[in-house]
Amino acid sequence: MNTTEPSPGAPCWVELATKDPAAAKAFYHELFGWRAEVVPDERAAGYTRFHLGDQLVAGLSALLQPEQPIAWTIGFHTPAADAAADEIADADGTLVVPPTDALDWGRFAVAADPTGAVFSTWQPAGLRGVDLRDAPGSLGWVELATREPQSAAEFYARVFGWSVNTGEMYTRFGLGGSDFGGMMDMSDQFPAEVAPYWMPYFVVADVDLGAERAALLGATVTLPPTDVPDGPRLAVLHDPQGALFGIHAVEQEE
């Protein structure tokens, strides 16, 4: 299993905001085997941590505002949330939630890039982020969908120092010589009303079985299991409440 330590600019957290936390806990338990633990501190307002075995893999909260969408949000590590927020604003991003302390866990902010895709930053204190990455049942690839890929690439390279490797069909983001995510151009593939977004992929042992099981549990399969060039087999789904996420197969080490 691949445990993880925080690395500046890298994905370090993934969190679901949903209207029915109890239903979401049941769905993801059945799909990934996650164990839900509600944080006992009343100041946490029912915030839930998902574990796989003893390892922390994700978070969950109820919707905090009437206009808040049901969605997964990806958090990127920063050693200084306030400085990152300033850099986001200077790079024409928008702060949705300014830097805020989350109990003694750390400090976070929620932002939108110049193209409108929402993400968060996380400055660890008592909670470093997820304990497990790139193993079955945990966060794997992360993907940005946007209609302005050049603007987005420049923004994330400036704010997080990502490398941007643009191919014929797809752009990959990386740090330290390793790719962790990618970007696709929405222009010709999505209705105009679909806003840019970040989407997490979770790793599974078998994509076909995972997609079939998710559908039986009430999810909608948006993209059926598919082999992608130079990538793993994957599928894209909406959970029963509408949150978008993907699953992909374990990548074999060469």
C-alpha atoms as a PDB file:
ATOM      1  CA  MET A   1       0.000   0.000   0.000  1.00  0.00           C
ATOM      2  CA  ASN A   2       1.167   3.475  -0.811  1.00  0.00           C
ATOM      3  CA  THR A   3       1.203   5.712   2.248  1.00  0.00           C
ATOM      4  CA  THR A   4       1.739   9.383   1.644  1.00  0.00           C
ATOM      5  CA  GLU A   5       3.460  12.350   3.225  1.00  0.00           C
ATOM      6  CA  PRO A   6       2.430  15.926   2.440  1.00  0.00           C
ATOM      7  CA  SER A   7       4.281  17.409  -0.518  1.00  0.00           C
ATOM      8  CA  PRO A   8       3.750  21.089  -1.431  1.00  0.00           C
ATOM      9  CA  GLY A   9       1.357  21.410  -4.350  1.00  0.00           C
ATOM     10  CA  ALA A  10       0.316  17.754  -4.363  1.00  0.00           C
ATOM     11  CA  PRO A  11      -3.205  16.409  -3.790  1.00  0.00           C
ATOM     12  CA  CYS A  12      -3.458  15.646  -0.079  1.00  0.00           C
ATOM     13  CA  TRP A  13      -7.162  15.621   0.735  1.00  0.00           C
ATOM     14  CA  VAL A  14     -10.521  14.806  -0.831  1.00  0.00           C
ATOM     15  CA  GLU A  15     -13.842  15.738   0.710  1.00  0.00           C
ATOM     16  CA  LEU A  16     -17.486  15.173  -0.164  1.00  0.00           C
ATOM     17  CA  ALA A  17     -20.189  17.742   0.580  1.00  0.00           C
ATOM     18  CA  THR A  18     -23.618  16.116   0.372  1.00  0.00           C
ATOM     19  CA  LYS A  19     -27.230  16.628   1.378  1.00  0.00           C
ATOM     20  CA  ASP A  20     -27.652  13.198   3.004  1.00  0.00           C
ATOM     21  CA  PRO A  21     -24.491  12.192   4.876  1.00  0.00           C
ATOM     22  CA  ALA A  22     -26.016   8.980   6.209  1.00  0.00           C
ATOM     23  CA  ALA A  23     -26.859   7.759   2.695  1.00  0.00           C
ATOM     24  CA  ALA A  24     -23.420   8.750   1.428  1.00  0.00           C
ATOM     25  CA  LYS A  25     -21.715   6.844   4.245  1.00  0.00           C
ATOM     26  CA  ALA A  26     -23.687   3.726   3.358  1.00  0.00           C
ATOM     27  CA  PHE A  27     -22.945   4.036  -0.379  1.00  0.00           C
ATOM     28  CA  TYR A  28     -19.186   4.504  -0.057  1.00  0.00           C
ATOM     29  CA  HIS A  29     -18.948   1.825   2.614  1.00  0.00           C
ATOM     30  CA  GLU A  30     -20.540  -0.686   0.259  1.00  0.00           C
ATOM     31  CA  LEU A  31     -18.528   0.493  -2.760  1.00  0.00           C
ATOM     32  CA  PHE A  32     -15.040   0.960  -1.290  1.00  0.00           C
ATOM     33  CA  GLY A  33     -15.238  -0.603   2.170  1.00  0.00           C
ATOM     34  CA  TRP A  34     -14.812   2.756   3.890  1.00  0.00           C
ATOM     35  CA  ARG A  35     -15.513   3.016   7.592  1.00  0.00           C
ATOM     36  CA  ALA A  36     -17.138   6.300   8.654  1.00  0.00           C
ATOM     37  CA  GLU A  37     -16.211   7.983  11.937  1.00  0.00           C
ATOM     38  CA  VAL A  38     -18.036  11.128  13.043  1.00  0.00           C
ATOM     39  CA  VAL A  39     -15.672  13.569  14.748  1.00  0.00           C
ATOM     40  CA  PRO A  40     -16.924  13.733  18.363  1.00  0.00           C
ATOM     41  CA  ASP A  41     -16.043  17.405  18.892  1.00  0.00           C
ATOM     42  CA  GLU A  42     -19.310  19.366  18.646  1.00  0.00           C
ATOM     43  CA  ARG A  43     -17.425  22.206  16.948  1.00  0.00           C
ATOM     44  CA  ALA A  44     -16.900  19.873  13.981  1.00  0.00           C
ATOM     45  CA  ALA A  45     -20.671  19.947  13.310  1.00  0.00           C
ATOM     46  CA  GLY A  46     -20.894  16.264  12.474  1.00  0.00           C
ATOM     47  CA  TYR A  47     -17.870  16.181  10.178  1.00  0.00           C
ATOM     48  CA  THR A  48     -17.032  12.608   9.196  1.00  0.00           C
ATOM     49  CA  ARG A  49     -13.736  10.958   8.357  1.00  0.00           C
ATOM     50  CA  PHE A  50     -13.615   7.915   6.100  1.00  0.00           C
ATOM     51  CA  HIS A  51     -11.058   5.205   6.876  1.00  0.00           C
ATOM     52  CA  LEU A  52      -9.953   2.126   5.007  1.00  0.00           C
ATOM     53  CA  GLY A  53      -8.792  -0.134   7.771  1.00  0.00           C
ATOM     54  CA  ASP A  54      -6.871   2.249  10.023  1.00  0.00           C
ATOM     55  CA  GLN A  55      -5.878   4.641   7.245  1.00  0.00           C
ATOM     56  CA  LEU A  56      -7.635   7.940   6.608  1.00  0.00           C
ATOM     57  CA  VAL A  57      -8.794   8.241   2.981  1.00  0.00           C
ATOM     58  CA  ALA A  58     -11.404  11.043   2.738  1.00  0.00           C
ATOM     59  CA  GLY A  59     -13.758  13.412   4.532  1.00  0.00           C
ATOM     60  CA  LEU A  60     -17.473  14.156   4.405  1.00  0.00           C
ATOM     61  CA  SER A  61     -19.672  17.033   5.485  1.00  0.00           C
ATOM     62  CA  ALA A  62     -23.259  18.126   5.147  1.00  0.00           C
ATOM     63  CA  LEU A  63     -23.998  21.065   2.859  1.00  0.00           C
ATOM     64  CA  LEU A  64     -23.191  24.259   4.748  1.00  0.00           C
ATOM     65  CA  GLN A  65     -24.927  26.759   2.451  1.00  0.00           C
ATOM     66  CA  PRO A  66     -28.185  26.478   0.455  1.00  0.00           C
ATOM     67  CA  GLU A  67     -26.347  27.198  -2.804  1.00  0.00           C
ATOM     68  CA  GLN A  68     -23.488  24.776  -2.110  1.00  0.00           C
ATOM     69  CA  PRO A  69     -23.358  22.005  -4.727  1.00  0.00           C
ATOM     70  CA  ILE A  70     -23.180  18.306  -3.949  1.00  0.00           C
ATOM     71  CA  ALA A  71     -19.613  17.580  -4.990  1.00  0.00           C
ATOM     72  CA  TRP A  72     -16.213  16.152  -4.205  1.00  0.00           C
ATOM     73  CA  THR A  73     -13.508  18.767  -3.598  1.00  0.00           C
ATOM     74  CA  ILE A  74      -9.799  18.031  -3.985  1.00  0.00           C
ATOM     75  CA  GLY A  75      -7.387  19.644  -1.528  1.00  0.00           C
ATOM     76  CA  PHE A  76      -3.797  20.531  -2.447  1.00  0.00           C
ATOM     77  CA  HIS A  77      -1.070  20.789   0.164  1.00  0.00           C
ATOM     78  CA  THR A  78       0.446  24.128   1.044  1.00  0.00           C
ATOM     79  CA  PRO A  79       2.910  24.978   3.813  1.00  0.00           C
ATOM     80  CA  ALA A  80       1.242  28.387   4.222  1.00  0.00           C
ATOM     81  CA  ALA A  81      -2.471  28.785   3.524  1.00  0.00           C
ATOM     82  CA  ASP A  82      -2.468  32.573   3.763  1.00  0.00           C
ATOM     83  CA  ALA A  83       0.432  33.008   1.353  1.00  0.00           C
ATOM     84  CA  ALA A  84      -1.213  30.539  -1.037  1.00  0.00           C
ATOM     85  CA  ALA A  85      -4.457  32.523  -0.868  1.00  0.00           C
ATOM     86  CA  ASP A  86      -2.581  35.703  -1.778  1.00  0.00           C
ATOM     87  CA  GLU A  87      -0.947  33.924  -4.716  1.00  0.00           C
ATOM     88  CA  ILE A  88      -4.320  32.580  -5.877  1.00  0.00           C
ATOM     89  CA  ALA A  89      -5.807  36.072  -5.835  1.00  0.00           C
ATOM     90  CA  ASP A  90      -2.769  37.551  -7.616  1.00  0.00           C
ATOM     91  CA  ALA A  91      -3.124  34.876 -10.317  1.00  0.00           C
ATOM     92  CA  ASP A  92      -6.772  35.880 -10.948  1.00  0.00           C
ATOM     93  CA  GLY A  93      -8.309  33.086  -8.914  1.00  0.00           C
ATOM     94  CA  THR A  94     -11.244  33.682  -6.558  1.00  0.00           C
ATOM     95  CA  LEU A  95     -11.372  32.884  -2.844  1.00  0.00           C
ATOM     96  CA  VAL A  96     -14.661  31.182  -2.013  1.00  0.00           C
ATOM     97  CA  VAL A  97     -13.698  30.600   1.630  1.00  0.00           C
ATOM     98  CA  PRO A  98     -10.710  32.630   2.895  1.00  0.00           C
ATOM     99  CA  PRO A  99      -7.985  30.936   4.975  1.00  0.00           C
ATOM    100  CA  THR A 100      -9.692  29.430   8.011  1.00  0.00           C
ATOM    101  CA  ASP A 101      -8.560  27.252  10.902  1.00  0.00           C
ATOM    102  CA  ALA A 102     -10.180  23.813  11.077  1.00  0.00           C
ATOM    103  CA  LEU A 103      -9.956  23.104  14.819  1.00  0.00           C
ATOM    104  CA  ASP A 104      -6.396  21.912  15.474  1.00  0.00           C
ATOM    105  CA  TRP A 105      -6.275  19.889  12.247  1.00  0.00           C
ATOM    106  CA  GLY A 106      -4.864  22.578   9.988  1.00  0.00           C
ATOM    107  CA  ARG A 107      -5.741  25.652   7.981  1.00  0.00           C
ATOM    108  CA  PHE A 108      -7.632  25.611   4.692  1.00  0.00           C
ATOM    109  CA  ALA A 109      -9.081  27.808   1.990  1.00  0.00           C
ATOM    110  CA  VAL A 110     -11.530  27.112  -0.829  1.00  0.00           C
ATOM    111  CA  ALA A 111     -10.909  28.785  -4.168  1.00  0.00           C
ATOM    112  CA  ALA A 112     -11.895  28.808  -7.819  1.00  0.00           C
ATOM    113  CA  ASP A 113      -9.321  29.032 -10.574  1.00  0.00           C
ATOM    114  CA  PRO A 114      -9.726  31.692 -13.309  1.00  0.00           C
ATOM    115  CA  THR A 115     -11.814  29.261 -15.372  1.00  0.00           C
ATOM    116  CA  GLY A 116     -14.252  28.570 -12.503  1.00  0.00           C
ATOM    117  CA  ALA A 117     -13.131  25.146 -11.222  1.00  0.00           C
ATOM    118  CA  VAL A 118     -13.257  24.871  -7.421  1.00  0.00           C
ATOM    119  CA  PHE A 119     -10.506  23.332  -5.276  1.00  0.00           C
ATOM    120  CA  SER A 120      -9.113  23.745  -1.770  1.00  0.00           C
ATOM    121  CA  THR A 121      -5.749  24.216  -0.128  1.00  0.00           C
ATOM    122  CA  TRP A 122      -4.657  22.490   3.060  1.00  0.00           C
ATOM    123  CA  GLN A 123      -1.943  23.552   5.503  1.00  0.00           C
ATOM    124  CA  PRO A 124      -1.531  20.565   7.832  1.00  0.00           C
ATOM    125  CA  ALA A 125      -1.264  20.733  11.599  1.00  0.00           C
ATOM    126  CA  GLY A 126      -2.814  17.823  13.513  1.00  0.00           C
ATOM    127  CA  LEU A 127      -4.155  16.284  10.302  1.00  0.00           C
ATOM    128  CA  ARG A 128      -1.608  15.899   7.530  1.00  0.00           C
ATOM    129  CA  GLY A 129      -4.115  14.758   4.896  1.00  0.00           C
ATOM    130  CA  VAL A 130      -4.998  11.325   3.608  1.00  0.00           C
ATOM    131  CA  ASP A 131      -2.866   8.412   4.819  1.00  0.00           C
ATOM    132  CA  LEU A 132      -3.198   6.336   1.659  1.00  0.00           C
ATOM    133  CA  ARG A 133      -2.900   7.135  -2.060  1.00  0.00           C
ATOM    134  CA  ASP A 134      -2.891   5.156  -5.304  1.00  0.00           C
ATOM    135  CA  ALA A 135      -4.014   1.907  -3.690  1.00  0.00           C
ATOM    136  CA  PRO A 136      -7.425   0.200  -3.963  1.00  0.00           C
ATOM    137  CA  GLY A 137     -10.029   2.163  -2.045  1.00  0.00           C
ATOM    138  CA  SER A 138      -8.026   5.399  -1.977  1.00  0.00           C
ATOM    139  CA  LEU A 139      -7.547   8.556  -4.018  1.00  0.00           C
ATOM    140  CA  GLY A 140      -5.683   8.096  -7.277  1.00  0.00           C
ATOM    141  CA  TRP A 141      -5.636  10.410 -10.284  1.00  0.00           C
ATOM    142  CA  VAL A 142      -7.187  13.887 -10.140  1.00  0.00           C
ATOM    143  CA  GLU A 143      -8.559  15.628 -13.220  1.00  0.00           C
ATOM    144  CA  LEU A 144      -9.531  19.141 -14.204  1.00  0.00           C
ATOM    145  CA  ALA A 145     -12.163  19.770 -16.875  1.00  0.00           C
ATOM    146  CA  THR A 146     -12.113  23.310 -18.261  1.00  0.00           C
ATOM    147  CA  ARG A 147     -12.875  25.312 -21.390  1.00  0.00           C
ATOM    148  CA  GLU A 148      -9.762  27.449 -20.965  1.00  0.00           C
ATOM    149  CA  PRO A 149      -6.876  25.000 -20.635  1.00  0.00           C
ATOM    150  CA  GLN A 150      -4.125  27.526 -21.320  1.00  0.00           C
ATOM    151  CA  SER A 151      -5.365  29.885 -18.615  1.00  0.00           C
ATOM    152  CA  ALA A 152      -5.755  26.995 -16.170  1.00  0.00           C
ATOM    153  CA  ALA A 153      -2.294  25.605 -16.913  1.00  0.00           C
ATOM    154  CA  GLU A 154      -0.659  28.982 -16.312  1.00  0.00           C
ATOM    155  CA  PHE A 155      -2.597  29.451 -13.066  1.00  0.00           C
ATOM    156  CA  TYR A 156      -1.647  26.115 -11.490  1.00  0.00           C
ATOM    157  CA  ALA A 157       1.958  26.316 -12.640  1.00  0.00           C
ATOM    158  CA  ARG A 158       2.226  29.682 -10.913  1.00  0.00           C
ATOM    159  CA  VAL A 159       0.305  28.862  -7.728  1.00  0.00           C
ATOM    160  CA  PHE A 160       1.569  25.314  -7.076  1.00  0.00           C
ATOM    161  CA  GLY A 161       4.652  24.993  -9.278  1.00  0.00           C
ATOM    162  CA  TRP A 162       3.200  22.132 -11.325  1.00  0.00           C
ATOM    163  CA  SER A 163       4.809  20.912 -14.505  1.00  0.00           C
ATOM    164  CA  VAL A 164       2.427  20.964 -17.476  1.00  0.00           C
ATOM    165  CA  ASN A 165       2.948  18.260 -20.074  1.00  0.00           C
ATOM    166  CA  THR A 166       0.660  18.905 -23.025  1.00  0.00           C
ATOM    167  CA  GLY A 167      -0.015  16.035 -25.406  1.00  0.00           C
ATOM    168  CA  GLU A 168      -2.133  15.722 -28.510  1.00  0.00           C
ATOM    169  CA  MET A 169      -5.231  14.580 -26.624  1.00  0.00           C
ATOM    170  CA  TYR A 170      -4.559  15.295 -22.968  1.00  0.00           C
ATOM    171  CA  THR A 171      -2.499  17.430 -20.597  1.00  0.00           C
ATOM    172  CA  ARG A 172      -0.793  16.014 -17.518  1.00  0.00           C
ATOM    173  CA  PHE A 173       0.143  17.840 -14.329  1.00  0.00           C
ATOM    174  CA  GLY A 174       3.164  16.793 -12.311  1.00  0.00           C
ATOM    175  CA  LEU A 175       5.557  17.525  -9.479  1.00  0.00           C
ATOM    176  CA  GLY A 176       9.111  16.326  -9.041  1.00  0.00           C
ATOM    177  CA  GLY A 177       9.048  14.377 -12.272  1.00  0.00           C
ATOM    178  CA  SER A 178       5.888  12.373 -11.468  1.00  0.00           C
ATOM    179  CA  ASP A 179       2.439  13.042 -12.899  1.00  0.00           C
ATOM    180  CA  PHE A 180      -0.485  12.987 -10.462  1.00  0.00           C
ATOM    181  CA  GLY A 181      -3.310  14.498 -12.496  1.00  0.00           C
ATOM    182  CA  GLY A 182      -4.482  15.833 -15.785  1.00  0.00           C
ATOM    183  CA  MET A 183      -6.657  18.273 -17.662  1.00  0.00           C
ATOM    184  CA  MET A 184      -9.156  17.897 -20.464  1.00  0.00           C
ATOM    185  CA  ASP A 185     -10.672  20.543 -22.696  1.00  0.00           C
ATOM    186  CA  MET A 186     -14.454  20.681 -22.241  1.00  0.00           C
ATOM    187  CA  SER A 187     -15.071  22.801 -25.332  1.00  0.00           C
ATOM    188  CA  ASP A 188     -16.428  20.160 -27.713  1.00  0.00           C
ATOM    189  CA  GLN A 189     -17.621  17.562 -25.218  1.00  0.00           C
ATOM    190  CA  PHE A 190     -19.878  19.228 -22.663  1.00  0.00           C
ATOM    191  CA  PRO A 191     -23.100  21.265 -22.744  1.00  0.00           C
ATOM    192  CA  ALA A 192     -22.552  24.977 -22.149  1.00  0.00           C
ATOM    193  CA  GLU A 193     -24.331  24.849 -18.784  1.00  0.00           C
ATOM    194  CA  VAL A 194     -21.785  22.417 -17.284  1.00  0.00           C
ATOM    195  CA  ALA A 195     -19.282  24.451 -15.281  1.00  0.00           C
ATOM    196  CA  PRO A 196     -15.552  23.602 -15.093  1.00  0.00           C
ATOM    197  CA  TYR A 197     -14.719  21.214 -12.293  1.00  0.00           C
ATOM    198  CA  TRP A 198     -12.115  19.065 -10.559  1.00  0.00           C
ATOM    199  CA  MET A 199     -12.876  15.345 -10.255  1.00  0.00           C
ATOM    200  CA  PRO A 200     -11.222  12.689  -8.087  1.00  0.00           C
ATOM    201  CA  TYR A 201     -10.600   9.158  -9.273  1.00  0.00           C
ATOM    202  CA  PHE A 202     -10.500   6.391  -6.694  1.00  0.00           C
ATOM    203  CA  VAL A 203      -8.452   3.273  -7.293  1.00  0.00           C
ATOM    204  CA  VAL A 204     -10.194  -0.102  -7.592  1.00  0.00           C
ATOM    205  CA  ALA A 205      -8.956  -3.610  -8.277  1.00  0.00           C
ATOM    206  CA  ASP A 206     -11.496  -4.140 -11.081  1.00  0.00           C
ATOM    207  CA  VAL A 207     -13.163  -1.225 -12.884  1.00  0.00           C
ATOM    208  CA  ASP A 208     -15.896  -3.310 -14.501  1.00  0.00           C
ATOM    209  CA  LEU A 209     -16.957  -4.868 -11.227  1.00  0.00           C
ATOM    210  CA  GLY A 210     -16.660  -1.496  -9.480  1.00  0.00           C
ATOM    211  CA  ALA A 211     -18.912   0.250 -11.990  1.00  0.00           C
ATOM    212  CA  GLU A 212     -21.427  -2.596 -11.877  1.00  0.00           C
ATOM    213  CA  ARG A 213     -21.525  -2.530  -8.097  1.00  0.00           C
ATOM    214  CA  ALA A 214     -21.880   1.263  -8.003  1.00  0.00           C
ATOM    215  CA  ALA A 215     -24.852   1.065 -10.371  1.00  0.00           C
ATOM    216  CA  LEU A 216     -26.504  -1.576  -8.200  1.00  0.00           C
ATOM    217  CA  LEU A 217     -26.039   0.758  -5.229  1.00  0.00           C
ATOM    218  CA  GLY A 218     -27.849   3.585  -7.048  1.00  0.00           C
ATOM    219  CA  ALA A 219     -25.037   5.403  -8.869  1.00  0.00           C
ATOM    220  CA  THR A 220     -25.295   6.575 -12.470  1.00  0.00           C
ATOM    221  CA  VAL A 221     -22.569   5.392 -14.826  1.00  0.00           C
ATOM    222  CA  THR A 222     -21.692   8.466 -16.910  1.00  0.00           C
ATOM    223  CA  LEU A 223     -18.764   6.869 -18.733  1.00  0.00           C
ATOM    224  CA  PRO A 224     -18.790   3.056 -18.793  1.00  0.00           C
ATOM    225  CA  PRO A 225     -15.540   1.155 -18.221  1.00  0.00           C
ATOM    226  CA  THR A 226     -13.103   2.305 -20.885  1.00  0.00           C
ATOM    227  CA  ASP A 227      -9.482   1.715 -21.800  1.00  0.00           C
ATOM    228  CA  VAL A 228      -7.641   4.974 -22.444  1.00  0.00           C
ATOM    229  CA  PRO A 229      -4.436   5.308 -24.469  1.00  0.00           C
ATOM    230  CA  ASP A 230      -1.348   5.236 -22.232  1.00  0.00           C
ATOM    231  CA  GLY A 231      -3.536   5.055 -19.140  1.00  0.00           C
ATOM    232  CA  PRO A 232      -5.482   2.667 -16.924  1.00  0.00           C
ATOM    233  CA  ARG A 233      -8.980   1.349 -17.458  1.00  0.00           C
ATOM    234  CA  LEU A 234     -11.473   3.774 -15.945  1.00  0.00           C
ATOM    235  CA  ALA A 235     -15.120   4.725 -15.508  1.00  0.00           C
ATOM    236  CA  VAL A 236     -16.918   7.913 -14.438  1.00  0.00           C
ATOM    237  CA  LEU A 237     -19.973   7.934 -12.181  1.00  0.00           C
ATOM    238  CA  HIS A 238     -22.392  10.103 -10.248  1.00  0.00           C
ATOM    239  CA  ASP A 239     -23.157   8.803  -6.777  1.00  0.00           C
ATOM    240  CA  PRO A 240     -26.849   8.461  -5.794  1.00  0.00           C
ATOM    241  CA  GLN A 241     -26.973  12.117  -4.702  1.00  0.00           C
ATOM    242  CA  GLY A 242     -25.212  13.407  -7.802  1.00  0.00           C
ATOM    243  CA  ALA A 243     -21.559  13.843  -6.784  1.00  0.00           C
ATOM    244  CA  LEU A 244     -19.218  13.172  -9.710  1.00  0.00           C
ATOM    245  CA  PHE A 245     -16.231  10.870  -9.309  1.00  0.00           C
ATOM    246  CA  GLY A 246     -14.221   8.359 -11.272  1.00  0.00           C
ATOM    247  CA  ILE A 247     -12.666   4.983 -10.647  1.00  0.00           C
ATOM    248  CA  HIS A 248      -9.556   3.611 -12.280  1.00  0.00           C
ATOM    249  CA  ALA A 249      -7.660   0.373 -12.160  1.00  0.00           C
ATOM    250  CA  VAL A 250      -4.487  -0.133 -10.188  1.00  0.00           C
ATOM    251  CA  GLU A 251      -1.621   0.959 -12.411  1.00  0.00           C
ATOM    252  CA  GLN A 252       0.986  -1.724 -12.797  1.00  0.00           C
ATOM    253  CA  GLU A 253       4.531  -0.699 -11.983  1.00  0.00           C
ATOM    254  CA  GLU A 254       6.948  -1.267 -14.829  1.00  0.00           C
END
